[in-house]
Amino acid sequence: MTKPSEQQAPVRHADFTYADPGSLTSEQSEILDKAALVVIRARREAADMVRGAKLEGFDDDFFGSKCRKCNTCDEFWGEGAVCKRSSCRHSASQHAT
């Protein structure tokens, strides 16, 4: 079994094969963002569990949700449809990679 300190976070790809947001209907886009928020919340809960167990070798970005659009925002802020960081403001679905 690999020690937590030897584990690596999954590799993130900025240009994965995702649907072009411009080709989605407003209903599809809304559903995609709602589903993305479910993923983001689950990651937050997982990070809280790991932090609470005081496991070593895991940083806060291990379960992170970095923005695929701007690549400067390391974590989705807020509970709404868009990231609350003023430097980002991209949709939840852009963060749920």
N, C-alpha and C. Protein backbone atom coordinates (compact mmCIF):
# COMPACT_ATOMS: atom_id res chain seq x y z
N MET A 1 0.85 -1.18 0.00
CA MET A 1 0.00 0.00 0.00
C MET A 1 0.89 1.24 0.00
N THR A 2 0.53 2.21 -0.79
CA THR A 2 1.31 3.45 -0.91
C THR A 2 0.99 4.39 0.23
N LYS A 3 2.02 4.96 0.84
CA LYS A 3 1.81 5.94 1.90
C LYS A 3 1.18 7.19 1.30
N PRO A 4 0.35 7.90 2.08
CA PRO A 4 -0.24 9.12 1.56
C PRO A 4 0.80 10.11 1.05
N SER A 5 1.95 10.18 1.71
CA SER A 5 2.97 11.12 1.29
C SER A 5 3.59 10.76 -0.06
N GLU A 6 3.40 9.51 -0.49
CA GLU A 6 3.93 9.08 -1.77
C GLU A 6 2.90 9.12 -2.88
N GLN A 7 1.65 9.39 -2.53
CA GLN A 7 0.59 9.46 -3.52
C GLN A 7 0.63 10.80 -4.23
N GLN A 8 0.15 10.81 -5.44
CA GLN A 8 0.10 12.04 -6.20
C GLN A 8 -1.33 12.31 -6.61
N ALA A 9 -1.65 13.58 -6.67
CA ALA A 9 -2.98 13.98 -7.12
C ALA A 9 -3.13 13.64 -8.60
N PRO A 10 -4.36 13.40 -9.03
CA PRO A 10 -4.57 13.12 -10.44
C PRO A 10 -4.09 14.29 -11.30
N VAL A 11 -3.58 13.97 -12.47
CA VAL A 11 -3.13 15.02 -13.38
C VAL A 11 -4.34 15.72 -13.96
N ARG A 12 -4.25 17.03 -13.99
CA ARG A 12 -5.35 17.82 -14.55
C ARG A 12 -4.99 18.29 -15.95
N HIS A 13 -5.92 18.23 -16.84
CA HIS A 13 -5.70 18.67 -18.20
C HIS A 13 -6.61 19.86 -18.50
N ALA A 14 -6.02 20.94 -18.94
CA ALA A 14 -6.78 22.16 -19.22
C ALA A 14 -7.68 21.97 -20.44
N ASP A 15 -7.27 21.18 -21.41
CA ASP A 15 -8.05 21.03 -22.63
C ASP A 15 -8.49 19.59 -22.84
N PHE A 16 -9.31 19.09 -21.93
CA PHE A 16 -9.86 17.75 -22.05
C PHE A 16 -10.95 17.77 -23.12
N THR A 17 -11.54 16.67 -23.40
CA THR A 17 -12.59 16.62 -24.41
C THR A 17 -13.94 16.87 -23.74
N TYR A 18 -14.27 18.11 -23.53
CA TYR A 18 -15.54 18.51 -22.94
C TYR A 18 -16.36 19.19 -24.02
N ALA A 19 -17.65 19.14 -23.84
CA ALA A 19 -18.54 19.81 -24.79
C ALA A 19 -18.27 21.31 -24.77
N ASP A 20 -18.34 21.92 -25.93
CA ASP A 20 -18.19 23.36 -26.03
C ASP A 20 -19.39 24.00 -25.34
N PRO A 21 -19.16 24.79 -24.27
CA PRO A 21 -20.28 25.39 -23.54
C PRO A 21 -21.19 26.21 -24.45
N GLY A 22 -20.64 26.74 -25.53
CA GLY A 22 -21.45 27.53 -26.46
C GLY A 22 -22.45 26.69 -27.23
N SER A 23 -22.22 25.37 -27.31
CA SER A 23 -23.12 24.50 -28.07
C SER A 23 -24.22 23.88 -27.19
N LEU A 24 -24.20 24.19 -25.90
CA LEU A 24 -25.21 23.65 -24.98
C LEU A 24 -26.41 24.57 -24.91
N THR A 25 -27.56 23.97 -24.69
CA THR A 25 -28.75 24.79 -24.44
C THR A 25 -28.63 25.37 -23.03
N SER A 26 -29.42 26.36 -22.72
CA SER A 26 -29.36 26.95 -21.38
C SER A 26 -29.72 25.91 -20.32
N GLU A 27 -30.67 25.02 -20.63
CA GLU A 27 -31.05 23.96 -19.69
C GLU A 27 -29.88 22.99 -19.48
N GLN A 28 -29.21 22.60 -20.55
CA GLN A 28 -28.07 21.70 -20.44
C GLN A 28 -26.94 22.35 -19.64
N SER A 29 -26.69 23.61 -19.90
CA SER A 29 -25.65 24.34 -19.19
C SER A 29 -25.96 24.43 -17.70
N GLU A 30 -27.22 24.69 -17.37
CA GLU A 30 -27.64 24.78 -15.97
C GLU A 30 -27.46 23.43 -15.26
N ILE A 31 -27.85 22.35 -15.92
CA ILE A 31 -27.70 21.02 -15.34
C ILE A 31 -26.23 20.66 -15.17
N LEU A 32 -25.41 21.01 -16.15
CA LEU A 32 -23.97 20.74 -16.05
C LEU A 32 -23.38 21.47 -14.85
N ASP A 33 -23.75 22.73 -14.63
CA ASP A 33 -23.24 23.48 -13.48
C ASP A 33 -23.75 22.91 -12.16
N LYS A 34 -25.00 22.47 -12.11
CA LYS A 34 -25.52 21.86 -10.88
C LYS A 34 -24.77 20.56 -10.57
N ALA A 35 -24.52 19.76 -11.58
CA ALA A 35 -23.77 18.51 -11.39
C ALA A 35 -22.34 18.82 -10.94
N ALA A 36 -21.75 19.85 -11.50
CA ALA A 36 -20.39 20.24 -11.12
C ALA A 36 -20.33 20.65 -9.65
N LEU A 37 -21.35 21.34 -9.17
CA LEU A 37 -21.38 21.73 -7.76
C LEU A 37 -21.44 20.52 -6.85
N VAL A 38 -22.13 19.46 -7.27
CA VAL A 38 -22.16 18.21 -6.49
C VAL A 38 -20.75 17.65 -6.36
N VAL A 39 -20.00 17.66 -7.46
CA VAL A 39 -18.62 17.16 -7.46
C VAL A 39 -17.75 18.03 -6.56
N ILE A 40 -17.87 19.34 -6.68
CA ILE A 40 -17.07 20.27 -5.88
C ILE A 40 -17.36 20.09 -4.40
N ARG A 41 -18.63 19.96 -4.03
CA ARG A 41 -18.98 19.75 -2.62
C ARG A 41 -18.42 18.43 -2.09
N ALA A 42 -18.46 17.38 -2.92
CA ALA A 42 -17.92 16.08 -2.50
C ALA A 42 -16.41 16.19 -2.28
N ARG A 43 -15.72 16.93 -3.13
CA ARG A 43 -14.28 17.13 -2.95
C ARG A 43 -13.99 17.87 -1.65
N ARG A 44 -14.80 18.89 -1.37
CA ARG A 44 -14.61 19.64 -0.12
C ARG A 44 -14.80 18.74 1.09
N GLU A 45 -15.84 17.91 1.04
CA GLU A 45 -16.11 16.99 2.14
C GLU A 45 -14.96 16.00 2.31
N ALA A 46 -14.45 15.48 1.19
CA ALA A 46 -13.33 14.54 1.25
C ALA A 46 -12.09 15.21 1.85
N ALA A 47 -11.81 16.44 1.44
CA ALA A 47 -10.65 17.17 1.97
C ALA A 47 -10.82 17.42 3.46
N ASP A 48 -12.04 17.74 3.90
CA ASP A 48 -12.30 17.95 5.32
C ASP A 48 -12.08 16.67 6.12
N MET A 49 -12.49 15.53 5.56
CA MET A 49 -12.29 14.25 6.23
C MET A 49 -10.81 13.95 6.41
N VAL A 50 -10.03 14.17 5.36
CA VAL A 50 -8.60 13.90 5.41
C VAL A 50 -7.93 14.84 6.41
N ARG A 51 -8.31 16.12 6.36
CA ARG A 51 -7.75 17.09 7.30
C ARG A 51 -8.10 16.72 8.73
N GLY A 52 -9.35 16.31 8.95
CA GLY A 52 -9.80 15.93 10.29
C GLY A 52 -9.08 14.71 10.84
N ALA A 53 -8.66 13.81 9.96
CA ALA A 53 -7.94 12.61 10.38
C ALA A 53 -6.45 12.89 10.58
N LYS A 54 -6.05 14.13 10.28
CA LYS A 54 -4.65 14.56 10.43
C LYS A 54 -3.69 13.65 9.66
N LEU A 55 -4.13 13.23 8.48
CA LEU A 55 -3.25 12.41 7.63
C LEU A 55 -2.14 13.29 7.07
N GLU A 56 -0.96 12.74 7.02
CA GLU A 56 0.18 13.49 6.50
C GLU A 56 0.34 13.23 5.01
N GLY A 57 0.86 14.22 4.32
CA GLY A 57 1.17 14.04 2.91
C GLY A 57 0.10 14.50 1.96
N PHE A 58 -1.01 14.97 2.46
CA PHE A 58 -2.08 15.46 1.61
C PHE A 58 -2.13 16.98 1.74
N ASP A 59 -2.05 17.69 0.63
CA ASP A 59 -2.23 19.12 0.71
C ASP A 59 -3.67 19.46 0.33
N ASP A 60 -4.06 20.71 0.53
CA ASP A 60 -5.44 21.12 0.27
C ASP A 60 -5.83 20.99 -1.20
N ASP A 61 -4.86 20.92 -2.09
CA ASP A 61 -5.16 20.83 -3.52
C ASP A 61 -5.33 19.39 -4.00
N PHE A 62 -5.12 18.41 -3.13
CA PHE A 62 -5.22 17.01 -3.56
C PHE A 62 -6.59 16.71 -4.16
N PHE A 63 -7.64 17.22 -3.55
CA PHE A 63 -8.99 17.04 -4.07
C PHE A 63 -9.50 18.33 -4.69
N GLY A 64 -8.63 19.19 -5.11
CA GLY A 64 -8.99 20.53 -5.58
C GLY A 64 -9.84 20.56 -6.83
N SER A 65 -10.28 21.75 -7.17
CA SER A 65 -11.12 21.95 -8.35
C SER A 65 -10.62 23.18 -9.10
N LYS A 66 -9.42 23.06 -9.65
CA LYS A 66 -8.79 24.15 -10.38
C LYS A 66 -9.61 24.50 -11.63
N CYS A 67 -9.66 25.77 -11.94
CA CYS A 67 -10.41 26.23 -13.11
C CYS A 67 -9.69 25.84 -14.40
N ARG A 68 -10.42 25.19 -15.30
CA ARG A 68 -9.86 24.80 -16.59
C ARG A 68 -9.81 25.98 -17.55
N LYS A 69 -10.59 27.02 -17.27
CA LYS A 69 -10.69 28.15 -18.19
C LYS A 69 -9.53 29.12 -18.00
N CYS A 70 -9.29 29.56 -16.76
CA CYS A 70 -8.25 30.56 -16.54
C CYS A 70 -6.95 29.95 -16.01
N ASN A 71 -7.01 28.75 -15.46
CA ASN A 71 -5.84 28.06 -14.91
C ASN A 71 -5.08 28.83 -13.84
N THR A 72 -5.67 29.87 -13.29
CA THR A 72 -5.02 30.61 -12.20
C THR A 72 -5.77 30.42 -10.90
N CYS A 73 -7.03 30.03 -10.98
CA CYS A 73 -7.86 29.82 -9.80
C CYS A 73 -7.72 28.36 -9.37
N ASP A 74 -7.17 28.14 -8.18
CA ASP A 74 -6.91 26.77 -7.72
C ASP A 74 -8.10 26.09 -7.07
N GLU A 75 -9.12 26.85 -6.70
CA GLU A 75 -10.25 26.26 -5.99
C GLU A 75 -11.51 27.08 -6.26
N PHE A 76 -12.61 26.38 -6.50
CA PHE A 76 -13.89 27.05 -6.70
C PHE A 76 -14.36 27.66 -5.39
N TRP A 77 -14.72 28.93 -5.42
CA TRP A 77 -15.24 29.63 -4.23
C TRP A 77 -16.73 29.85 -4.41
N GLY A 78 -17.48 29.54 -3.37
CA GLY A 78 -18.91 29.83 -3.37
C GLY A 78 -19.76 28.60 -3.53
N GLU A 79 -21.05 28.84 -3.58
CA GLU A 79 -22.03 27.76 -3.73
C GLU A 79 -22.95 28.00 -4.92
N GLY A 80 -22.70 29.05 -5.67
CA GLY A 80 -23.56 29.39 -6.80
C GLY A 80 -23.03 28.87 -8.12
N ALA A 81 -23.58 29.42 -9.19
CA ALA A 81 -23.25 28.94 -10.53
C ALA A 81 -21.86 29.36 -11.00
N VAL A 82 -21.32 30.45 -10.43
CA VAL A 82 -20.00 30.91 -10.85
C VAL A 82 -19.08 31.07 -9.65
N CYS A 83 -17.79 30.95 -9.90
CA CYS A 83 -16.78 31.12 -8.86
C CYS A 83 -16.81 32.56 -8.36
N LYS A 84 -16.74 32.74 -7.07
CA LYS A 84 -16.81 34.07 -6.48
C LYS A 84 -15.49 34.83 -6.52
N ARG A 85 -14.39 34.19 -6.91
CA ARG A 85 -13.11 34.90 -7.01
C ARG A 85 -13.21 35.95 -8.11
N SER A 86 -12.83 37.16 -7.79
CA SER A 86 -12.93 38.24 -8.77
C SER A 86 -12.02 38.01 -9.97
N SER A 87 -10.94 37.28 -9.77
CA SER A 87 -10.02 37.01 -10.87
C SER A 87 -10.48 35.83 -11.74
N CYS A 88 -11.56 35.17 -11.35
CA CYS A 88 -12.02 33.99 -12.10
C CYS A 88 -13.42 34.20 -12.67
N ARG A 89 -14.43 34.07 -11.83
CA ARG A 89 -15.84 34.21 -12.22
C ARG A 89 -16.28 33.22 -13.31
N HIS A 90 -15.63 32.06 -13.39
CA HIS A 90 -16.03 31.05 -14.36
C HIS A 90 -17.03 30.10 -13.72
N SER A 91 -17.72 29.36 -14.54
CA SER A 91 -18.79 28.47 -14.06
C SER A 91 -18.25 27.30 -13.25
N ALA A 92 -19.14 26.71 -12.46
CA ALA A 92 -18.77 25.54 -11.67
C ALA A 92 -18.29 24.40 -12.57
N SER A 93 -18.91 24.28 -13.74
CA SER A 93 -18.52 23.18 -14.64
C SER A 93 -17.11 23.37 -15.19
N GLN A 94 -16.59 24.58 -15.19
CA GLN A 94 -15.20 24.80 -15.60
C GLN A 94 -14.22 24.36 -14.51
N HIS A 95 -14.73 24.17 -13.28
CA HIS A 95 -13.89 23.77 -12.16
C HIS A 95 -13.94 22.28 -11.85
N ALA A 96 -14.97 21.61 -12.23
CA ALA A 96 -15.16 20.21 -11.85
C ALA A 96 -14.43 19.30 -12.82
N THR A 97 -13.11 19.33 -12.76
CA THR A 97 -12.32 18.53 -13.68
C THR A 97 -11.95 17.21 -13.05
